[in-house]
């Protein structure tokens, strides 16, 4: 019995060490992925308003603001239709993944992403 308890303790200690090492590797991986996402976020949701020339924006400021809002709506609609809706219907865990991804896109302050419009849809 005493030898058995010692072996069990050693096994648990080894498992604990292995899990701590795995956690460390996982946290490093998460940090690398978040860094990559931060670098790439500016290219995720390119709005058509970016294609307008500066002169057009200056001369048509009131019209441009309406166009920009329309573009934000279109951008969010496409984001939901092409990225979120197809995946969130697979399973509950996929729905949670999608919700957390939307939260991440918001936290990253992704250009052309309006969180309120997204949640409103």
PDB file of N, CA and C in Angstrom:
ATOM      1  N   UNK A   1       0.812  -1.214   0.000  1.00  0.00           N
ATOM      2  CA  UNK A   1       0.000   0.000   0.000  1.00  0.00           C
ATOM      3  C   UNK A   1       0.850   1.270   0.000  1.00  0.00           C
ATOM      4  N   UNK A   2       1.906   1.295   0.810  1.00  0.00           N
ATOM      5  CA  UNK A   2       2.747   2.485   0.891  1.00  0.00           C
ATOM      6  C   UNK A   2       3.471   2.723  -0.426  1.00  0.00           C
ATOM      7  N   UNK A   3       3.974   1.646  -1.028  1.00  0.00           N
ATOM      8  CA  UNK A   3       4.644   1.727  -2.321  1.00  0.00           C
ATOM      9  C   UNK A   3       3.668   2.167  -3.408  1.00  0.00           C
ATOM     10  N   UNK A   4       2.447   1.677  -3.299  1.00  0.00           N
ATOM     11  CA  UNK A   4       1.407   2.040  -4.274  1.00  0.00           C
ATOM     12  C   UNK A   4       1.064   3.528  -4.176  1.00  0.00           C
ATOM     13  N   UNK A   5       0.986   4.036  -2.954  1.00  0.00           N
ATOM     14  CA  UNK A   5       0.696   5.463  -2.754  1.00  0.00           C
ATOM     15  C   UNK A   5       1.836   6.332  -3.290  1.00  0.00           C
ATOM     16  N   UNK A   6       3.071   5.862  -3.088  1.00  0.00           N
ATOM     17  CA  UNK A   6       4.232   6.605  -3.579  1.00  0.00           C
ATOM     18  C   UNK A   6       4.222   6.666  -5.106  1.00  0.00           C
ATOM     19  N   UNK A   7       3.926   5.545  -5.756  1.00  0.00           N
ATOM     20  CA  UNK A   7       3.845   5.512  -7.225  1.00  0.00           C
ATOM     21  C   UNK A   7       2.732   6.419  -7.726  1.00  0.00           C
ATOM     22  N   UNK A   8       1.597   6.400  -7.042  1.00  0.00           N
ATOM     23  CA  UNK A   8       0.465   7.255  -7.438  1.00  0.00           C
ATOM     24  C   UNK A   8       0.826   8.728  -7.294  1.00  0.00           C
ATOM     25  N   UNK A   9       1.530   9.070  -6.230  1.00  0.00           N
ATOM     26  CA  UNK A   9       1.964  10.454  -6.022  1.00  0.00           C
ATOM     27  C   UNK A   9       2.938  10.883  -7.124  1.00  0.00           C
ATOM     28  N   UNK A  10       3.878  10.000  -7.458  1.00  0.00           N
ATOM     29  CA  UNK A  10       4.837  10.299  -8.532  1.00  0.00           C
ATOM     30  C   UNK A  10       4.118  10.476  -9.870  1.00  0.00           C
ATOM     31  N   UNK A  11       3.145   9.613 -10.116  1.00  0.00           N
ATOM     32  CA  UNK A  11       2.375   9.723 -11.352  1.00  0.00           C
ATOM     33  C   UNK A  11       1.622  11.051 -11.417  1.00  0.00           C
ATOM     34  N   UNK A  12       1.019  11.431 -10.310  1.00  0.00           N
ATOM     35  CA  UNK A  12       0.266  12.698 -10.260  1.00  0.00           C
ATOM     36  C   UNK A  12       1.195  13.899 -10.417  1.00  0.00           C
ATOM     37  N   UNK A  13       2.361  13.837  -9.794  1.00  0.00           N
ATOM     38  CA  UNK A  13       3.338  14.923  -9.916  1.00  0.00           C
ATOM     39  C   UNK A  13       3.821  15.052 -11.361  1.00  0.00           C
ATOM     40  N   UNK A  14       4.102  13.927 -11.996  1.00  0.00           N
ATOM     41  CA  UNK A  14       4.542  13.946 -13.398  1.00  0.00           C
ATOM     42  C   UNK A  14       3.440  14.499 -14.295  1.00  0.00           C
ATOM     43  N   UNK A  15       2.212  14.102 -14.020  1.00  0.00           N
ATOM     44  CA  UNK A  15       1.083  14.604 -14.804  1.00  0.00           C
ATOM     45  C   UNK A  15       0.911  16.108 -14.608  1.00  0.00           C
ATOM     46  N   UNK A  16       1.069  16.556 -13.369  1.00  0.00           N
ATOM     47  CA  UNK A  16       0.969  17.987 -13.073  1.00  0.00           C
ATOM     48  C   UNK A  16       2.047  18.771 -13.831  1.00  0.00           C
ATOM     49  N   UNK A  17       3.259  18.285 -13.830  1.00  0.00           N
ATOM     50  CA  UNK A  17       4.359  18.938 -14.550  1.00  0.00           C
ATOM     51  C   UNK A  17       4.068  18.996 -16.052  1.00  0.00           C
ATOM     52  N   UNK A  18       3.576  17.882 -16.569  1.00  0.00           N
ATOM     53  CA  UNK A  18       3.253  17.816 -18.002  1.00  0.00           C
ATOM     54  C   UNK A  18       2.149  18.813 -18.358  1.00  0.00           C
ATOM     55  N   UNK A  19       1.128  18.903 -17.518  1.00  0.00           N
ATOM     56  CA  UNK A  19       0.021  19.838 -17.766  1.00  0.00           C
ATOM     57  C   UNK A  19       0.479  21.298 -17.672  1.00  0.00           C
ATOM     58  N   UNK A  20       1.369  21.585 -16.733  1.00  0.00           N
ATOM     59  CA  UNK A  20       1.885  22.952 -16.619  1.00  0.00           C
ATOM     60  C   UNK A  20       2.710  23.333 -17.840  1.00  0.00           C
ATOM     61  N   UNK A  21       3.495  22.397 -18.345  1.00  0.00           N
ATOM     62  CA  UNK A  21       4.276  22.650 -19.559  1.00  0.00           C
ATOM     63  C   UNK A  21       3.354  22.849 -20.758  1.00  0.00           C
ATOM     64  N   UNK A  22       2.324  22.039 -20.846  1.00  0.00           N
ATOM     65  CA  UNK A  22       1.349  22.169 -21.932  1.00  0.00           C
ATOM     66  C   UNK A  22       0.623  23.510 -21.863  1.00  0.00           C
ATOM     67  N   UNK A  23       0.282  23.929 -20.651  1.00  0.00           N
ATOM     68  CA  UNK A  23      -0.376  25.229 -20.480  1.00  0.00           C
ATOM     69  C   UNK A  23       0.532  26.364 -20.938  1.00  0.00           C
ATOM     70  N   UNK A  24       1.798  26.280 -20.585  1.00  0.00           N
ATOM     71  CA  UNK A  24       2.770  27.298 -20.989  1.00  0.00           C
ATOM     72  C   UNK A  24       2.854  27.386 -22.515  1.00  0.00           C
ATOM     73  N   UNK A  25       2.943  26.233 -23.179  1.00  0.00           N
ATOM     74  CA  UNK A  25       3.003  26.204 -24.644  1.00  0.00           C
ATOM     75  C   UNK A  25       1.723  26.772 -25.253  1.00  0.00           C
ATOM     76  N   UNK A  26       0.595  26.431 -24.666  1.00  0.00           N
ATOM     77  CA  UNK A  26      -0.688  26.923 -25.178  1.00  0.00           C
ATOM     78  C   UNK A  26      -0.786  28.440 -25.049  1.00  0.00           C
ATOM     79  N   UNK A  27      -0.372  28.980 -23.910  1.00  0.00           N
ATOM     80  CA  UNK A  27      -0.414  30.437 -23.713  1.00  0.00           C
ATOM     81  C   UNK A  27       0.511  31.147 -24.700  1.00  0.00           C
ATOM     82  N   UNK A  28       1.676  30.566 -24.962  1.00  0.00           N
ATOM     83  CA  UNK A  28       2.589  31.150 -25.949  1.00  0.00           C
ATOM     84  C   UNK A  28       1.954  31.138 -27.336  1.00  0.00           C
ATOM     85  N   UNK A  29       1.290  30.043 -27.662  1.00  0.00           N
ATOM     86  CA  UNK A  29       0.619  29.933 -28.960  1.00  0.00           C
ATOM     87  C   UNK A  29      -0.494  30.981 -29.086  1.00  0.00           C
ATOM     88  N   UNK A  30      -1.278  31.142 -28.039  1.00  0.00           N
ATOM     89  CA  UNK A  30      -2.365  32.134 -28.050  1.00  0.00           C
ATOM     90  C   UNK A  30      -1.792  33.530 -28.273  1.00  0.00           C
ATOM     91  N   UNK A  31      -0.700  33.847 -27.607  1.00  0.00           N
ATOM     92  CA  UNK A  31      -0.089  35.158 -27.771  1.00  0.00           C
ATOM     93  C   UNK A  31       0.400  35.375 -29.202  1.00  0.00           C
ATOM     94  N   UNK A  32       0.983  34.339 -29.802  1.00  0.00           N
ATOM     95  CA  UNK A  32       1.431  34.453 -31.200  1.00  0.00           C
ATOM     96  C   UNK A  32       0.244  34.682 -32.132  1.00  0.00           C
ATOM     97  N   UNK A  33      -0.839  33.941 -31.924  1.00  0.00           N
ATOM     98  CA  UNK A  33      -2.025  34.083 -32.775  1.00  0.00           C
ATOM     99  C   UNK A  33      -2.633  35.475 -32.608  1.00  0.00           C
ATOM    100  N   UNK A  34      -2.766  35.941 -31.371  1.00  0.00           N
ATOM    101  CA  UNK A  34      -3.325  37.282 -31.141  1.00  0.00           C
ATOM    102  C   UNK A  34      -2.453  38.363 -31.782  1.00  0.00           C
ATOM    103  N   UNK A  35      -1.154  38.188 -31.716  1.00  0.00           N
ATOM    104  CA  UNK A  35      -0.252  39.149 -32.357  1.00  0.00           C
ATOM    105  C   UNK A  35      -0.454  39.152 -33.872  1.00  0.00           C
ATOM    106  N   UNK A  36      -0.568  37.963 -34.446  1.00  0.00           N
ATOM    107  CA  UNK A  36      -0.797  37.864 -35.893  1.00  0.00           C
ATOM    108  C   UNK A  36      -2.125  38.516 -36.284  1.00  0.00           C
ATOM    109  N   UNK A  37      -3.167  38.245 -35.514  1.00  0.00           N
ATOM    110  CA  UNK A  37      -4.475  38.851 -35.798  1.00  0.00           C
ATOM    111  C   UNK A  37      -4.399  40.369 -35.718  1.00  0.00           C
ATOM    112  N   UNK A  38      -3.670  40.865 -34.750  1.00  0.00           N
ATOM    113  CA  UNK A  38      -3.515  42.320 -34.602  1.00  0.00           C
ATOM    114  C   UNK A  38      -2.833  42.924 -35.827  1.00  0.00           C
ATOM    115  N   UNK A  39      -1.858  42.211 -36.369  1.00  0.00           N
ATOM    116  CA  UNK A  39      -1.149  42.701 -37.555  1.00  0.00           C
ATOM    117  C   UNK A  39      -2.026  42.657 -38.810  1.00  0.00           C
ATOM    118  N   UNK A  40      -2.925  41.672 -38.885  1.00  0.00           N
ATOM    119  CA  UNK A  40      -3.714  41.465 -40.102  1.00  0.00           C
ATOM    120  C   UNK A  40      -5.085  42.139 -40.088  1.00  0.00           C
ATOM    121  N   UNK A  41      -5.556  42.606 -38.950  1.00  0.00           N
ATOM    122  CA  UNK A  41      -6.934  43.092 -38.810  1.00  0.00           C
ATOM    123  C   UNK A  41      -7.285  44.237 -39.755  1.00  0.00           C
ATOM    124  N   UNK A  42      -6.325  45.040 -40.120  1.00  0.00           N
ATOM    125  CA  UNK A  42      -6.607  46.189 -40.988  1.00  0.00           C
ATOM    126  C   UNK A  42      -7.052  45.765 -42.386  1.00  0.00           C
ATOM    127  N   UNK A  43      -6.809  44.528 -42.758  1.00  0.00           N
ATOM    128  CA  UNK A  43      -7.170  44.049 -44.094  1.00  0.00           C
ATOM    129  C   UNK A  43      -8.394  43.144 -44.107  1.00  0.00           C
ATOM    130  N   UNK A  44      -9.018  42.922 -42.975  1.00  0.00           N
ATOM    131  CA  UNK A  44     -10.153  42.000 -42.900  1.00  0.00           C
ATOM    132  C   UNK A  44     -11.403  42.529 -43.576  1.00  0.00           C
ATOM    133  N   UNK A  45     -11.802  43.741 -43.238  1.00  0.00           N
ATOM    134  CA  UNK A  45     -13.078  44.290 -43.709  1.00  0.00           C
ATOM    135  C   UNK A  45     -12.823  45.576 -44.478  1.00  0.00           C
ATOM    136  N   UNK A  46     -12.425  45.431 -45.700  1.00  0.00           N
ATOM    137  CA  UNK A  46     -12.144  46.607 -46.520  1.00  0.00           C
ATOM    138  C   UNK A  46     -13.453  47.172 -47.053  1.00  0.00           C
ATOM    139  N   UNK A  47     -13.691  48.416 -46.736  1.00  0.00           N
ATOM    140  CA  UNK A  47     -14.932  49.062 -47.170  1.00  0.00           C
ATOM    141  C   UNK A  47     -14.727  49.737 -48.514  1.00  0.00           C
ATOM    142  N   UNK A  48     -15.812  49.827 -49.272  1.00  0.00           N
ATOM    143  CA  UNK A  48     -15.728  50.506 -50.564  1.00  0.00           C
ATOM    144  C   UNK A  48     -15.398  51.978 -50.388  1.00  0.00           C
ATOM    145  N   UNK A  49     -15.740  52.538 -49.248  1.00  0.00           N
ATOM    146  CA  UNK A  49     -15.475  53.959 -49.031  1.00  0.00           C
ATOM    147  C   UNK A  49     -13.982  54.261 -49.096  1.00  0.00           C
ATOM    148  N   UNK A  50     -13.130  53.262 -48.846  1.00  0.00           N
ATOM    149  CA  UNK A  50     -11.698  53.467 -48.930  1.00  0.00           C
ATOM    150  C   UNK A  50     -11.255  53.712 -50.366  1.00  0.00           C
ATOM    151  N   UNK A  51     -12.076  53.303 -51.314  1.00  0.00           N
ATOM    152  CA  UNK A  51     -11.722  53.472 -52.716  1.00  0.00           C
ATOM    153  C   UNK A  51     -12.048  54.875 -53.226  1.00  0.00           C
ATOM    154  N   UNK A  52     -12.839  55.605 -52.468  1.00  0.00           N
ATOM    155  CA  UNK A  52     -13.188  56.971 -52.894  1.00  0.00           C
ATOM    156  C   UNK A  52     -11.955  57.859 -52.795  1.00  0.00           C
ATOM    157  N   UNK A  53     -11.844  58.749 -53.738  1.00  0.00           N
ATOM    158  CA  UNK A  53     -10.697  59.653 -53.702  1.00  0.00           C
ATOM    159  C   UNK A  53     -10.899  60.693 -52.601  1.00  0.00           C
ATOM    160  N   UNK A  54      -9.808  61.282 -52.153  1.00  0.00           N
ATOM    161  CA  UNK A  54      -9.880  62.286 -51.100  1.00  0.00           C
ATOM    162  C   UNK A  54     -10.669  63.493 -51.585  1.00  0.00           C
ATOM    163  N   UNK A  55     -10.496  63.871 -52.826  1.00  0.00           N
ATOM    164  CA  UNK A  55     -11.210  65.021 -53.375  1.00  0.00           C
ATOM    165  C   UNK A  55     -12.715  64.785 -53.337  1.00  0.00           C
ATOM    166  N   UNK A  56     -13.128  63.598 -53.695  1.00  0.00           N
ATOM    167  CA  UNK A  56     -14.547  63.264 -53.676  1.00  0.00           C
ATOM    168  C   UNK A  56     -15.079  63.357 -52.253  1.00  0.00           C
ATOM    169  N   UNK A  57     -14.324  62.874 -51.285  1.00  0.00           N
ATOM    170  CA  UNK A  57     -14.768  62.924 -49.898  1.00  0.00           C
ATOM    171  C   UNK A  57     -14.925  64.356 -49.419  1.00  0.00           C
ATOM    172  N   UNK A  58     -14.008  65.227 -49.824  1.00  0.00           N
ATOM    173  CA  UNK A  58     -14.070  66.620 -49.390  1.00  0.00           C
ATOM    174  C   UNK A  58     -15.248  67.327 -50.044  1.00  0.00           C
ATOM    175  N   UNK A  59     -15.457  67.121 -51.332  1.00  0.00           N
ATOM    176  CA  UNK A  59     -16.503  67.851 -52.043  1.00  0.00           C
ATOM    177  C   UNK A  59     -17.904  67.321 -51.747  1.00  0.00           C
ATOM    178  N   UNK A  60     -18.022  66.081 -51.352  1.00  0.00           N
ATOM    179  CA  UNK A  60     -19.328  65.488 -51.101  1.00  0.00           C
ATOM    180  C   UNK A  60     -19.447  64.974 -49.668  1.00  0.00           C
ATOM    181  N   UNK A  61     -18.976  65.747 -48.722  1.00  0.00           N
ATOM    182  CA  UNK A  61     -18.935  65.290 -47.332  1.00  0.00           C
ATOM    183  C   UNK A  61     -20.273  64.780 -46.830  1.00  0.00           C
ATOM    184  N   UNK A  62     -21.410  65.506 -47.019  1.00  0.00           N
ATOM    185  CA  UNK A  62     -22.672  64.974 -46.513  1.00  0.00           C
ATOM    186  C   UNK A  62     -23.072  63.661 -47.204  1.00  0.00           C
ATOM    187  N   UNK A  63     -22.860  63.600 -48.503  1.00  0.00           N
ATOM    188  CA  UNK A  63     -23.185  62.383 -49.247  1.00  0.00           C
ATOM    189  C   UNK A  63     -22.258  61.250 -48.816  1.00  0.00           C
ATOM    190  N   UNK A  64     -20.986  61.579 -48.624  1.00  0.00           N
ATOM    191  CA  UNK A  64     -20.021  60.560 -48.240  1.00  0.00           C
ATOM    192  C   UNK A  64     -20.386  59.934 -46.894  1.00  0.00           C
ATOM    193  N   UNK A  65     -20.862  60.744 -45.959  1.00  0.00           N
ATOM    194  CA  UNK A  65     -21.205  60.179 -44.653  1.00  0.00           C
ATOM    195  C   UNK A  65     -22.357  59.185 -44.788  1.00  0.00           C
ATOM    196  N   UNK A  66     -23.304  59.459 -45.683  1.00  0.00           N
ATOM    197  CA  UNK A  66     -24.385  58.505 -45.917  1.00  0.00           C
ATOM    198  C   UNK A  66     -23.849  57.252 -46.603  1.00  0.00           C
ATOM    199  N   UNK A  67     -22.982  57.478 -47.583  1.00  0.00           N
ATOM    200  CA  UNK A  67     -22.389  56.354 -48.296  1.00  0.00           C
ATOM    201  C   UNK A  67     -21.578  55.486 -47.339  1.00  0.00           C
ATOM    202  N   UNK A  68     -20.836  56.146 -46.455  1.00  0.00           N
ATOM    203  CA  UNK A  68     -20.015  55.424 -45.500  1.00  0.00           C
ATOM    204  C   UNK A  68     -20.880  54.571 -44.572  1.00  0.00           C
ATOM    205  N   UNK A  69     -22.000  55.129 -44.121  1.00  0.00           N
ATOM    206  CA  UNK A  69     -22.893  54.360 -43.249  1.00  0.00           C
ATOM    207  C   UNK A  69     -23.488  53.179 -43.996  1.00  0.00           C
ATOM    208  N   UNK A  70     -23.857  53.399 -45.249  1.00  0.00           N
ATOM    209  CA  UNK A  70     -24.374  52.309 -46.062  1.00  0.00           C
ATOM    210  C   UNK A  70     -23.316  51.233 -46.232  1.00  0.00           C
ATOM    211  N   UNK A  71     -22.093  51.654 -46.451  1.00  0.00           N
ATOM    212  CA  UNK A  71     -21.001  50.708 -46.617  1.00  0.00           C
ATOM    213  C   UNK A  71     -20.777  49.915 -45.337  1.00  0.00           C
ATOM    214  N   UNK A  72     -20.896  50.573 -44.187  1.00  0.00           N
ATOM    215  CA  UNK A  72     -20.758  49.856 -42.918  1.00  0.00           C
ATOM    216  C   UNK A  72     -21.840  48.792 -42.792  1.00  0.00           C
ATOM    217  N   UNK A  73     -23.049  49.136 -43.170  1.00  0.00           N
ATOM    218  CA  UNK A  73     -24.138  48.162 -43.136  1.00  0.00           C
ATOM    219  C   UNK A  73     -23.838  46.978 -44.054  1.00  0.00           C
ATOM    220  N   UNK A  74     -23.399  47.296 -45.274  1.00  0.00           N
ATOM    221  CA  UNK A  74     -23.072  46.232 -46.228  1.00  0.00           C
ATOM    222  C   UNK A  74     -21.923  45.364 -45.720  1.00  0.00           C
ATOM    223  N   UNK A  75     -20.932  46.001 -45.121  1.00  0.00           N
ATOM    224  CA  UNK A  75     -19.779  45.269 -44.607  1.00  0.00           C
ATOM    225  C   UNK A  75     -20.203  44.302 -43.513  1.00  0.00           C
ATOM    226  N   UNK A  76     -21.009  44.781 -42.578  1.00  0.00           N
ATOM    227  CA  UNK A  76     -21.478  43.924 -41.483  1.00  0.00           C
ATOM    228  C   UNK A  76     -22.358  42.802 -42.032  1.00  0.00           C
ATOM    229  N   UNK A  77     -23.223  43.140 -42.980  1.00  0.00           N
ATOM    230  CA  UNK A  77     -24.095  42.120 -43.569  1.00  0.00           C
ATOM    231  C   UNK A  77     -23.261  41.013 -44.210  1.00  0.00           C
ATOM    232  N   UNK A  78     -22.273  41.392 -45.007  1.00  0.00           N
ATOM    233  CA  UNK A  78     -21.410  40.398 -45.654  1.00  0.00           C
ATOM    234  C   UNK A  78     -20.617  39.593 -44.627  1.00  0.00           C
ATOM    235  N   UNK A  79     -20.114  40.261 -43.606  1.00  0.00           N
ATOM    236  CA  UNK A  79     -19.367  39.584 -42.547  1.00  0.00           C
ATOM    237  C   UNK A  79     -20.234  38.511 -41.888  1.00  0.00           C
ATOM    238  N   UNK A  80     -21.462  38.873 -41.563  1.00  0.00           N
ATOM    239  CA  UNK A  80     -22.370  37.913 -40.934  1.00  0.00           C
ATOM    240  C   UNK A  80     -22.734  36.781 -41.894  1.00  0.00           C
ATOM    241  N   UNK A  81     -23.069  37.147 -43.143  1.00  0.00           N
ATOM    242  CA  UNK A  81     -23.501  36.138 -44.115  1.00  0.00           C
ATOM    243  C   UNK A  81     -22.389  35.165 -44.486  1.00  0.00           C
ATOM    244  N   UNK A  82     -21.179  35.674 -44.642  1.00  0.00           N
ATOM    245  CA  UNK A  82     -20.093  34.841 -45.151  1.00  0.00           C
ATOM    246  C   UNK A  82     -19.217  34.218 -44.070  1.00  0.00           C
ATOM    247  N   UNK A  83     -19.152  34.855 -42.915  1.00  0.00           N
ATOM    248  CA  UNK A  83     -18.231  34.371 -41.878  1.00  0.00           C
ATOM    249  C   UNK A  83     -18.925  33.771 -40.657  1.00  0.00           C
ATOM    250  N   UNK A  84     -19.964  34.422 -40.196  1.00  0.00           N
ATOM    251  CA  UNK A  84     -20.549  34.023 -38.915  1.00  0.00           C
ATOM    252  C   UNK A  84     -21.686  33.018 -39.078  1.00  0.00           C
ATOM    253  N   UNK A  85     -22.706  33.377 -39.847  1.00  0.00           N
ATOM    254  CA  UNK A  85     -23.892  32.508 -39.953  1.00  0.00           C
ATOM    255  C   UNK A  85     -23.585  31.087 -40.423  1.00  0.00           C
ATOM    256  N   UNK A  86     -22.743  30.911 -41.448  1.00  0.00           N
ATOM    257  CA  UNK A  86     -22.494  29.527 -41.894  1.00  0.00           C
ATOM    258  C   UNK A  86     -21.908  28.634 -40.804  1.00  0.00           C
ATOM    259  N   UNK A  87     -21.103  29.203 -39.938  1.00  0.00           N
ATOM    260  CA  UNK A  87     -20.457  28.366 -38.917  1.00  0.00           C
ATOM    261  C   UNK A  87     -21.303  28.229 -37.656  1.00  0.00           C
ATOM    262  N   UNK A  88     -22.005  29.268 -37.266  1.00  0.00           N
ATOM    263  CA  UNK A  88     -22.679  29.234 -35.965  1.00  0.00           C
ATOM    264  C   UNK A  88     -23.852  28.260 -35.918  1.00  0.00           C
ATOM    265  N   UNK A  89     -24.289  27.756 -37.054  1.00  0.00           N
ATOM    266  CA  UNK A  89     -25.420  26.826 -37.063  1.00  0.00           C
ATOM    267  C   UNK A  89     -25.003  25.355 -36.930  1.00  0.00           C
ATOM    268  N   UNK A  90     -23.708  25.070 -36.974  1.00  0.00           N
ATOM    269  CA  UNK A  90     -23.253  23.684 -36.892  1.00  0.00           C
ATOM    270  C   UNK A  90     -23.516  23.062 -35.527  1.00  0.00           C
ATOM    271  N   UNK A  91     -23.105  23.759 -34.483  1.00  0.00           N
ATOM    272  CA  UNK A  91     -23.239  23.202 -33.135  1.00  0.00           C
ATOM    273  C   UNK A  91     -23.195  24.336 -32.119  1.00  0.00           C
ATOM    274  N   UNK A  92     -23.482  23.999 -30.883  1.00  0.00           N
ATOM    275  CA  UNK A  92     -23.447  25.004 -29.817  1.00  0.00           C
ATOM    276  C   UNK A  92     -22.032  25.547 -29.635  1.00  0.00           C
ATOM    277  N   UNK A  93     -21.037  24.684 -29.715  1.00  0.00           N
ATOM    278  CA  UNK A  93     -19.659  25.131 -29.537  1.00  0.00           C
ATOM    279  C   UNK A  93     -19.225  26.039 -30.684  1.00  0.00           C
ATOM    280  N   UNK A  94     -19.720  25.782 -31.899  1.00  0.00           N
ATOM    281  CA  UNK A  94     -19.429  26.667 -33.031  1.00  0.00           C
ATOM    282  C   UNK A  94     -20.091  28.031 -32.830  1.00  0.00           C
ATOM    283  N   UNK A  95     -21.286  28.047 -32.276  1.00  0.00           N
ATOM    284  CA  UNK A  95     -21.968  29.313 -31.990  1.00  0.00           C
ATOM    285  C   UNK A  95     -21.181  30.124 -30.958  1.00  0.00           C
ATOM    286  N   UNK A  96     -20.663  29.442 -29.950  1.00  0.00           N
ATOM    287  CA  UNK A  96     -19.843  30.127 -28.936  1.00  0.00           C
ATOM    288  C   UNK A  96     -18.565  30.652 -29.580  1.00  0.00           C
ATOM    289  N   UNK A  97     -17.965  29.844 -30.453  1.00  0.00           N
ATOM    290  CA  UNK A  97     -16.752  30.279 -31.165  1.00  0.00           C
ATOM    291  C   UNK A  97     -17.032  31.559 -31.956  1.00  0.00           C
ATOM    292  N   UNK A  98     -18.143  31.586 -32.666  1.00  0.00           N
ATOM    293  CA  UNK A  98     -18.502  32.756 -33.467  1.00  0.00           C
ATOM    294  C   UNK A  98     -18.717  33.981 -32.581  1.00  0.00           C
ATOM    295  N   UNK A  99     -19.399  33.791 -31.470  1.00  0.00           N
ATOM    296  CA  UNK A  99     -19.638  34.909 -30.553  1.00  0.00           C
ATOM    297  C   UNK A  99     -18.306  35.448 -30.009  1.00  0.00           C
ATOM    298  N   UNK A 100     -17.412  34.552 -29.672  1.00  0.00           N
ATOM    299  CA  UNK A 100     -16.107  34.984 -29.156  1.00  0.00           C
ATOM    300  C   UNK A 100     -15.271  35.637 -30.253  1.00  0.00           C
ATOM    301  N   UNK A 101     -15.441  35.178 -31.500  1.00  0.00           N
ATOM    302  CA  UNK A 101     -14.719  35.807 -32.602  1.00  0.00           C
ATOM    303  C   UNK A 101     -15.213  37.235 -32.823  1.00  0.00           C
ATOM    304  N   UNK A 102     -16.531  37.434 -32.768  1.00  0.00           N
ATOM    305  CA  UNK A 102     -17.086  38.789 -32.897  1.00  0.00           C
ATOM    306  C   UNK A 102     -16.528  39.672 -31.781  1.00  0.00           C
ATOM    307  N   UNK A 103     -16.461  39.138 -30.579  1.00  0.00           N
ATOM    308  CA  UNK A 103     -15.895  39.881 -29.450  1.00  0.00           C
ATOM    309  C   UNK A 103     -14.429  40.225 -29.709  1.00  0.00           C
ATOM    310  N   UNK A 104     -13.685  39.295 -30.270  1.00  0.00           N
ATOM    311  CA  UNK A 104     -12.277  39.533 -30.580  1.00  0.00           C
ATOM    312  C   UNK A 104     -12.122  40.609 -31.654  1.00  0.00           C
ATOM    313  N   UNK A 105     -12.953  40.552 -32.676  1.00  0.00           N
ATOM    314  CA  UNK A 105     -12.907  41.561 -33.736  1.00  0.00           C
ATOM    315  C   UNK A 105     -13.162  42.950 -33.136  1.00  0.00           C
ATOM    316  N   UNK A 106     -14.083  43.016 -32.196  1.00  0.00           N
ATOM    317  CA  UNK A 106     -14.370  44.282 -31.502  1.00  0.00           C
ATOM    318  C   UNK A 106     -13.164  44.714 -30.663  1.00  0.00           C
ATOM    319  N   UNK A 107     -12.615  43.802 -29.871  1.00  0.00           N
ATOM    320  CA  UNK A 107     -11.492  44.135 -28.993  1.00  0.00           C
ATOM    321  C   UNK A 107     -10.264  44.583 -29.776  1.00  0.00           C
ATOM    322  N   UNK A 108     -10.097  44.039 -30.977  1.00  0.00           N
ATOM    323  CA  UNK A 108      -8.956  44.405 -31.815  1.00  0.00           C
ATOM    324  C   UNK A 108      -9.150  45.779 -32.474  1.00  0.00           C
ATOM    325  N   UNK A 109     -10.346  46.355 -32.278  1.00  0.00           N
ATOM    326  CA  UNK A 109     -10.674  47.646 -32.910  1.00  0.00           C
ATOM    327  C   UNK A 109     -10.464  47.562 -34.429  1.00  0.00           C
ATOM    328  N   UNK A 110     -11.033  46.526 -35.014  1.00  0.00           N
ATOM    329  CA  UNK A 110     -10.895  46.275 -36.432  1.00  0.00           C
ATOM    330  C   UNK A 110     -11.549  47.399 -37.239  1.00  0.00           C
ATOM    331  N   UNK A 111     -10.818  47.983 -38.179  1.00  0.00           N
ATOM    332  CA  UNK A 111     -11.397  49.034 -39.008  1.00  0.00           C
ATOM    333  C   UNK A 111     -12.614  48.536 -39.792  1.00  0.00           C
ATOM    334  N   UNK A 112     -13.600  49.392 -39.936  1.00  0.00           N
ATOM    335  CA  UNK A 112     -14.842  49.128 -40.681  1.00  0.00           C
ATOM    336  C   UNK A 112     -15.739  48.091 -40.014  1.00  0.00           C
ATOM    337  N   UNK A 113     -15.460  47.768 -38.759  1.00  0.00           N
ATOM    338  CA  UNK A 113     -16.329  46.852 -38.025  1.00  0.00           C
ATOM    339  C   UNK A 113     -17.079  47.648 -36.966  1.00  0.00           C
ATOM    340  N   UNK A 114     -18.391  47.666 -37.108  1.00  0.00           N
ATOM    341  CA  UNK A 114     -19.233  48.369 -36.145  1.00  0.00           C
ATOM    342  C   UNK A 114     -19.952  47.321 -35.289  1.00  0.00           C
ATOM    343  N   UNK A 115     -19.551  47.219 -34.063  1.00  0.00           N
ATOM    344  CA  UNK A 115     -20.080  46.196 -33.161  1.00  0.00           C
ATOM    345  C   UNK A 115     -21.574  46.369 -32.949  1.00  0.00           C
ATOM    346  N   UNK A 116     -22.020  47.605 -32.799  1.00  0.00           N
ATOM    347  CA  UNK A 116     -23.455  47.827 -32.584  1.00  0.00           C
ATOM    348  C   UNK A 116     -24.278  47.380 -33.780  1.00  0.00           C
ATOM    349  N   UNK A 117     -23.809  47.686 -34.971  1.00  0.00           N
ATOM    350  CA  UNK A 117     -24.516  47.208 -36.161  1.00  0.00           C
ATOM    351  C   UNK A 117     -24.531  45.677 -36.212  1.00  0.00           C
ATOM    352  N   UNK A 118     -23.419  45.081 -35.850  1.00  0.00           N
ATOM    353  CA  UNK A 118     -23.333  43.619 -35.874  1.00  0.00           C
ATOM    354  C   UNK A 118     -24.333  43.011 -34.886  1.00  0.00           C
ATOM    355  N   UNK A 119     -24.352  43.518 -33.673  1.00  0.00           N
ATOM    356  CA  UNK A 119     -25.271  42.980 -32.671  1.00  0.00           C
ATOM    357  C   UNK A 119     -26.733  43.300 -33.020  1.00  0.00           C
ATOM    358  N   UNK A 120     -26.945  44.420 -33.701  1.00  0.00           N
ATOM    359  CA  UNK A 120     -28.296  44.811 -34.090  1.00  0.00           C
ATOM    360  C   UNK A 120     -28.871  43.841 -35.115  1.00  0.00           C
ATOM    361  N   UNK A 121     -28.015  43.245 -35.916  1.00  0.00           N
ATOM    362  CA  UNK A 121     -28.452  42.307 -36.950  1.00  0.00           C
ATOM    363  C   UNK A 121     -28.749  40.970 -36.341  1.00  0.00           C
TER     364      UNK A 121
END
